Amino acid sequence: MLMESIAWAEGTGGGSTAASGGAGGMLSLIPFLLIFIIFYFLLIRPQQKKQKQQQALLDTVKKGDKVVTTSGIWGTITNLGKQTVTLQIADNTKVKMQRENIARLRSEDEDKDKDA
């Protein structure tokens, strides 16, 4: 009997607290929303921008471009396919690899450093 009266007493004042509880529930979501916004601008958006730049690089490479691969191999593109690229890395050495492994184009300054 005592438990029933306690449960009934807790449930009787629900009209005024339910309205304020709904507003409190919305206020408790604000920190999570702010955290998501911070993650978006610090992590997600820069990663998407980097992926777009990499895809643009892969779409514009052509035969004769001097590139550096993700594994650090320096080479010159001798043949392009849809998924693959053939790099000449030495006088008589050619390597066929996936196109996605091209990290960046080499600048002419880097070519001078290599020969030095």
N, C-alpha and C. Protein backbone atom coordinates (compact mmCIF):
# COMPACT_ATOMS: atom_id res chain seq x y z
N MET A 1 0.81 -1.18 0.00
CA MET A 1 0.00 0.00 0.00
C MET A 1 0.86 1.26 0.00
N LEU A 2 1.95 1.20 0.74
CA LEU A 2 2.84 2.35 0.80
C LEU A 2 3.47 2.62 -0.56
N MET A 3 3.86 1.57 -1.27
CA MET A 3 4.49 1.73 -2.59
C MET A 3 3.51 2.33 -3.60
N GLU A 4 2.25 1.93 -3.52
CA GLU A 4 1.26 2.47 -4.44
C GLU A 4 1.06 3.96 -4.20
N SER A 5 1.05 4.38 -2.96
CA SER A 5 0.84 5.80 -2.67
C SER A 5 2.05 6.62 -3.09
N ILE A 6 3.24 6.07 -2.97
CA ILE A 6 4.44 6.79 -3.42
C ILE A 6 4.43 6.93 -4.94
N ALA A 7 4.10 5.87 -5.64
CA ALA A 7 4.04 5.93 -7.09
C ALA A 7 2.96 6.88 -7.55
N TRP A 8 1.81 6.88 -6.86
CA TRP A 8 0.73 7.79 -7.24
C TRP A 8 1.12 9.23 -6.95
N ALA A 9 1.85 9.46 -5.88
CA ALA A 9 2.27 10.82 -5.51
C ALA A 9 3.29 11.35 -6.51
N GLU A 10 4.15 10.50 -7.02
CA GLU A 10 5.13 10.94 -8.01
C GLU A 10 4.48 11.26 -9.35
N GLY A 11 3.40 10.56 -9.66
CA GLY A 11 2.77 10.75 -10.96
C GLY A 11 1.74 11.84 -10.98
N THR A 12 1.32 12.39 -9.87
CA THR A 12 0.23 13.37 -9.86
C THR A 12 0.66 14.75 -10.33
N GLY A 13 1.84 15.17 -10.12
CA GLY A 13 2.26 16.52 -10.51
C GLY A 13 2.81 16.56 -11.92
N GLY A 14 2.43 15.63 -12.77
CA GLY A 14 3.01 15.50 -14.11
C GLY A 14 2.61 16.57 -15.09
N GLY A 15 1.52 17.26 -14.90
CA GLY A 15 1.06 18.23 -15.89
C GLY A 15 2.02 19.37 -16.07
N SER A 16 2.49 19.97 -15.01
CA SER A 16 3.38 21.13 -15.12
C SER A 16 4.82 20.71 -15.40
N THR A 17 5.25 19.56 -14.90
CA THR A 17 6.63 19.14 -15.12
C THR A 17 6.83 18.56 -16.51
N ALA A 18 5.80 18.04 -17.13
CA ALA A 18 5.95 17.48 -18.48
C ALA A 18 6.27 18.57 -19.48
N ALA A 19 5.65 19.72 -19.33
CA ALA A 19 5.91 20.82 -20.26
C ALA A 19 7.33 21.34 -20.07
N SER A 20 7.77 21.47 -18.85
CA SER A 20 9.14 21.95 -18.62
C SER A 20 10.15 20.85 -18.95
N GLY A 21 9.77 19.59 -18.80
CA GLY A 21 10.66 18.48 -19.13
C GLY A 21 10.93 18.41 -20.62
N GLY A 22 9.94 18.75 -21.44
CA GLY A 22 10.14 18.76 -22.89
C GLY A 22 11.13 19.83 -23.29
N ALA A 23 11.04 21.00 -22.67
CA ALA A 23 11.98 22.07 -22.97
C ALA A 23 13.37 21.70 -22.47
N GLY A 24 13.42 21.04 -21.31
CA GLY A 24 14.71 20.60 -20.78
C GLY A 24 15.34 19.55 -21.67
N GLY A 25 14.51 18.72 -22.28
CA GLY A 25 15.02 17.71 -23.20
C GLY A 25 15.64 18.34 -24.44
N MET A 26 15.03 19.40 -24.92
CA MET A 26 15.57 20.10 -26.10
C MET A 26 16.89 20.79 -25.73
N LEU A 27 16.94 21.37 -24.53
CA LEU A 27 18.17 22.04 -24.10
C LEU A 27 19.31 21.05 -23.93
N SER A 28 19.00 19.82 -23.56
CA SER A 28 20.06 18.83 -23.38
C SER A 28 20.63 18.36 -24.71
N LEU A 29 19.92 18.60 -25.81
CA LEU A 29 20.43 18.21 -27.13
C LEU A 29 21.39 19.24 -27.71
N ILE A 30 21.37 20.45 -27.19
CA ILE A 30 22.23 21.52 -27.72
C ILE A 30 23.72 21.18 -27.63
N PRO A 31 24.24 20.64 -26.52
CA PRO A 31 25.67 20.27 -26.50
C PRO A 31 26.03 19.23 -27.57
N PHE A 32 25.15 18.26 -27.79
CA PHE A 32 25.43 17.24 -28.81
C PHE A 32 25.44 17.86 -30.20
N LEU A 33 24.54 18.79 -30.43
CA LEU A 33 24.48 19.49 -31.72
C LEU A 33 25.75 20.31 -31.93
N LEU A 34 26.19 20.99 -30.89
CA LEU A 34 27.42 21.78 -30.99
C LEU A 34 28.63 20.88 -31.24
N ILE A 35 28.69 19.74 -30.59
CA ILE A 35 29.79 18.81 -30.81
C ILE A 35 29.79 18.32 -32.25
N PHE A 36 28.62 18.01 -32.78
CA PHE A 36 28.54 17.56 -34.17
C PHE A 36 29.01 18.65 -35.13
N ILE A 37 28.62 19.88 -34.88
CA ILE A 37 29.03 21.00 -35.74
C ILE A 37 30.55 21.17 -35.69
N ILE A 38 31.13 21.07 -34.50
CA ILE A 38 32.58 21.19 -34.37
C ILE A 38 33.28 20.05 -35.12
N PHE A 39 32.80 18.82 -34.96
CA PHE A 39 33.38 17.68 -35.69
C PHE A 39 33.27 17.88 -37.19
N TYR A 40 32.15 18.42 -37.65
CA TYR A 40 31.96 18.62 -39.08
C TYR A 40 33.02 19.57 -39.63
N PHE A 41 33.21 20.71 -38.98
CA PHE A 41 34.14 21.70 -39.50
C PHE A 41 35.60 21.36 -39.25
N LEU A 42 35.90 20.57 -38.24
CA LEU A 42 37.29 20.23 -37.97
C LEU A 42 37.74 18.92 -38.59
N LEU A 43 36.83 17.98 -38.81
CA LEU A 43 37.23 16.66 -39.30
C LEU A 43 36.60 16.30 -40.64
N ILE A 44 35.31 16.35 -40.73
CA ILE A 44 34.60 15.84 -41.91
C ILE A 44 34.83 16.73 -43.13
N ARG A 45 34.60 18.02 -43.00
CA ARG A 45 34.72 18.93 -44.15
C ARG A 45 36.14 18.97 -44.73
N PRO A 46 37.21 19.09 -43.92
CA PRO A 46 38.55 19.07 -44.51
C PRO A 46 38.87 17.75 -45.22
N GLN A 47 38.39 16.63 -44.67
CA GLN A 47 38.63 15.33 -45.32
C GLN A 47 37.93 15.26 -46.66
N GLN A 48 36.70 15.75 -46.75
CA GLN A 48 35.98 15.76 -48.02
C GLN A 48 36.69 16.64 -49.03
N LYS A 49 37.20 17.78 -48.59
CA LYS A 49 37.92 18.69 -49.49
C LYS A 49 39.19 18.03 -50.02
N LYS A 50 39.90 17.33 -49.14
CA LYS A 50 41.13 16.64 -49.55
C LYS A 50 40.82 15.53 -50.56
N GLN A 51 39.73 14.79 -50.34
CA GLN A 51 39.35 13.73 -51.28
C GLN A 51 38.99 14.30 -52.64
N LYS A 52 38.31 15.44 -52.67
CA LYS A 52 37.96 16.08 -53.95
C LYS A 52 39.21 16.53 -54.69
N GLN A 53 40.18 17.09 -53.96
CA GLN A 53 41.44 17.51 -54.59
C GLN A 53 42.20 16.31 -55.14
N GLN A 54 42.23 15.21 -54.40
CA GLN A 54 42.92 14.01 -54.87
C GLN A 54 42.26 13.45 -56.11
N GLN A 55 40.92 13.43 -56.13
CA GLN A 55 40.20 12.92 -57.30
C GLN A 55 40.44 13.81 -58.51
N ALA A 56 40.49 15.12 -58.30
CA ALA A 56 40.78 16.05 -59.39
C ALA A 56 42.18 15.80 -59.94
N LEU A 57 43.15 15.54 -59.07
CA LEU A 57 44.51 15.22 -59.51
C LEU A 57 44.52 13.95 -60.35
N LEU A 58 43.83 12.92 -59.87
CA LEU A 58 43.82 11.64 -60.60
C LEU A 58 43.12 11.79 -61.96
N ASP A 59 42.14 12.66 -62.05
CA ASP A 59 41.44 12.86 -63.32
C ASP A 59 42.27 13.64 -64.33
N THR A 60 43.23 14.45 -63.86
CA THR A 60 43.99 15.31 -64.76
C THR A 60 45.38 14.79 -65.11
N VAL A 61 45.83 13.69 -64.49
CA VAL A 61 47.17 13.19 -64.83
C VAL A 61 47.18 12.71 -66.28
N LYS A 62 48.34 12.87 -66.90
CA LYS A 62 48.48 12.48 -68.30
C LYS A 62 49.84 11.83 -68.52
N LYS A 63 50.00 11.26 -69.67
CA LYS A 63 51.25 10.61 -70.03
C LYS A 63 52.38 11.63 -70.02
N GLY A 64 53.48 11.26 -69.40
CA GLY A 64 54.63 12.15 -69.30
C GLY A 64 54.72 12.92 -67.99
N ASP A 65 53.67 12.91 -67.19
CA ASP A 65 53.71 13.59 -65.90
C ASP A 65 54.66 12.88 -64.96
N LYS A 66 55.38 13.67 -64.18
CA LYS A 66 56.29 13.12 -63.18
C LYS A 66 55.56 13.15 -61.85
N VAL A 67 55.46 11.98 -61.21
CA VAL A 67 54.64 11.84 -60.01
C VAL A 67 55.40 11.17 -58.89
N VAL A 68 54.82 11.27 -57.69
CA VAL A 68 55.28 10.54 -56.52
C VAL A 68 54.10 9.71 -56.05
N THR A 69 54.34 8.43 -55.77
CA THR A 69 53.26 7.55 -55.33
C THR A 69 53.12 7.61 -53.82
N THR A 70 52.06 6.98 -53.32
CA THR A 70 51.84 6.95 -51.87
C THR A 70 52.94 6.19 -51.14
N SER A 71 53.61 5.29 -51.84
CA SER A 71 54.70 4.53 -51.22
C SER A 71 56.04 5.24 -51.37
N GLY A 72 56.05 6.42 -52.00
CA GLY A 72 57.27 7.20 -52.11
C GLY A 72 58.08 6.94 -53.37
N ILE A 73 57.55 6.19 -54.31
CA ILE A 73 58.27 5.91 -55.56
C ILE A 73 58.12 7.09 -56.50
N TRP A 74 59.24 7.55 -57.04
CA TRP A 74 59.24 8.63 -58.03
C TRP A 74 59.24 8.00 -59.41
N GLY A 75 58.39 8.48 -60.28
CA GLY A 75 58.35 7.92 -61.62
C GLY A 75 57.69 8.86 -62.61
N THR A 76 57.75 8.43 -63.87
CA THR A 76 57.12 9.18 -64.96
C THR A 76 56.05 8.29 -65.57
N ILE A 77 54.88 8.85 -65.79
CA ILE A 77 53.77 8.08 -66.33
C ILE A 77 54.04 7.78 -67.80
N THR A 78 54.01 6.48 -68.14
CA THR A 78 54.21 6.08 -69.53
C THR A 78 52.93 5.55 -70.18
N ASN A 79 51.98 5.12 -69.37
CA ASN A 79 50.72 4.59 -69.91
C ASN A 79 49.63 4.75 -68.86
N LEU A 80 48.42 5.10 -69.34
CA LEU A 80 47.28 5.27 -68.44
C LEU A 80 46.16 4.33 -68.84
N GLY A 81 45.55 3.72 -67.85
CA GLY A 81 44.34 2.93 -68.04
C GLY A 81 43.24 3.49 -67.17
N LYS A 82 42.08 2.85 -67.19
CA LYS A 82 40.99 3.34 -66.34
C LYS A 82 41.34 3.20 -64.86
N GLN A 83 41.88 2.06 -64.47
CA GLN A 83 42.18 1.77 -63.08
C GLN A 83 43.68 1.74 -62.77
N THR A 84 44.51 1.64 -63.81
CA THR A 84 45.94 1.45 -63.59
C THR A 84 46.74 2.54 -64.28
N VAL A 85 47.98 2.63 -63.88
CA VAL A 85 48.94 3.54 -64.48
C VAL A 85 50.29 2.82 -64.53
N THR A 86 51.04 3.04 -65.59
CA THR A 86 52.36 2.45 -65.70
C THR A 86 53.39 3.55 -65.50
N LEU A 87 54.28 3.34 -64.54
CA LEU A 87 55.32 4.31 -64.23
C LEU A 87 56.67 3.77 -64.63
N GLN A 88 57.47 4.64 -65.23
CA GLN A 88 58.86 4.29 -65.49
C GLN A 88 59.66 4.87 -64.33
N ILE A 89 60.27 3.97 -63.57
CA ILE A 89 60.99 4.42 -62.37
C ILE A 89 62.50 4.39 -62.55
N ALA A 90 62.97 3.75 -63.61
CA ALA A 90 64.39 3.74 -63.96
C ALA A 90 64.46 3.57 -65.48
N ASP A 91 65.68 3.52 -66.02
CA ASP A 91 65.82 3.46 -67.48
C ASP A 91 65.08 2.28 -68.10
N ASN A 92 65.23 1.10 -67.56
CA ASN A 92 64.59 -0.08 -68.13
C ASN A 92 63.60 -0.71 -67.16
N THR A 93 63.04 0.07 -66.27
CA THR A 93 62.15 -0.49 -65.25
C THR A 93 60.82 0.25 -65.27
N LYS A 94 59.76 -0.52 -65.53
CA LYS A 94 58.41 0.03 -65.50
C LYS A 94 57.59 -0.75 -64.48
N VAL A 95 56.72 -0.03 -63.78
CA VAL A 95 55.88 -0.62 -62.75
C VAL A 95 54.43 -0.26 -63.05
N LYS A 96 53.57 -1.27 -62.99
CA LYS A 96 52.14 -1.03 -63.18
C LYS A 96 51.47 -1.02 -61.81
N MET A 97 50.70 0.03 -61.52
CA MET A 97 50.06 0.14 -60.21
C MET A 97 48.70 0.78 -60.36
N GLN A 98 47.93 0.73 -59.28
CA GLN A 98 46.62 1.34 -59.30
C GLN A 98 46.75 2.85 -59.37
N ARG A 99 45.80 3.45 -60.06
CA ARG A 99 45.81 4.89 -60.27
C ARG A 99 45.69 5.66 -58.94
N GLU A 100 44.96 5.09 -57.98
CA GLU A 100 44.75 5.76 -56.70
C GLU A 100 46.02 5.92 -55.89
N ASN A 101 47.08 5.20 -56.26
CA ASN A 101 48.34 5.28 -55.52
C ASN A 101 49.19 6.48 -55.89
N ILE A 102 48.74 7.30 -56.82
CA ILE A 102 49.46 8.53 -57.14
C ILE A 102 49.14 9.54 -56.05
N ALA A 103 50.17 10.00 -55.36
CA ALA A 103 49.98 10.93 -54.25
C ALA A 103 49.99 12.37 -54.73
N ARG A 104 50.95 12.70 -55.60
CA ARG A 104 51.07 14.08 -56.06
C ARG A 104 51.96 14.16 -57.28
N LEU A 105 51.91 15.30 -57.93
CA LEU A 105 52.81 15.58 -59.04
C LEU A 105 54.11 16.13 -58.48
N ARG A 106 55.21 15.82 -59.16
CA ARG A 106 56.51 16.35 -58.74
C ARG A 106 56.73 17.71 -59.39
N SER A 107 57.37 18.59 -58.66
CA SER A 107 57.72 19.89 -59.23
C SER A 107 59.11 19.80 -59.85
N GLU A 108 59.44 20.79 -60.66
CA GLU A 108 60.76 20.79 -61.30
C GLU A 108 61.86 21.00 -60.28
N ASP A 109 61.57 21.69 -59.18
CA ASP A 109 62.57 21.88 -58.13
C ASP A 109 62.96 20.55 -57.51
N GLU A 110 61.99 19.66 -57.34
CA GLU A 110 62.27 18.34 -56.77
C GLU A 110 63.13 17.51 -57.72
N ASP A 111 62.95 17.67 -59.03
CA ASP A 111 63.76 16.94 -59.99
C ASP A 111 65.22 17.36 -59.90
N LYS A 112 65.47 18.64 -59.66
CA LYS A 112 66.85 19.12 -59.53
C LYS A 112 67.49 18.58 -58.25
N ASP A 113 66.69 18.49 -57.16
CA ASP A 113 67.21 17.94 -55.91
C ASP A 113 67.57 16.48 -56.05
N LYS A 114 66.82 15.73 -56.85
CA LYS A 114 67.05 14.30 -57.03
C LYS A 114 68.40 14.05 -57.71
N ASP A 115 68.73 14.88 -58.68
CA ASP A 115 69.96 14.69 -59.43
C ASP A 115 71.19 15.12 -58.64
N ALA A 116 71.02 15.97 -57.67
CA ALA A 116 72.16 16.53 -56.93
C ALA A 116 72.79 15.54 -56.00
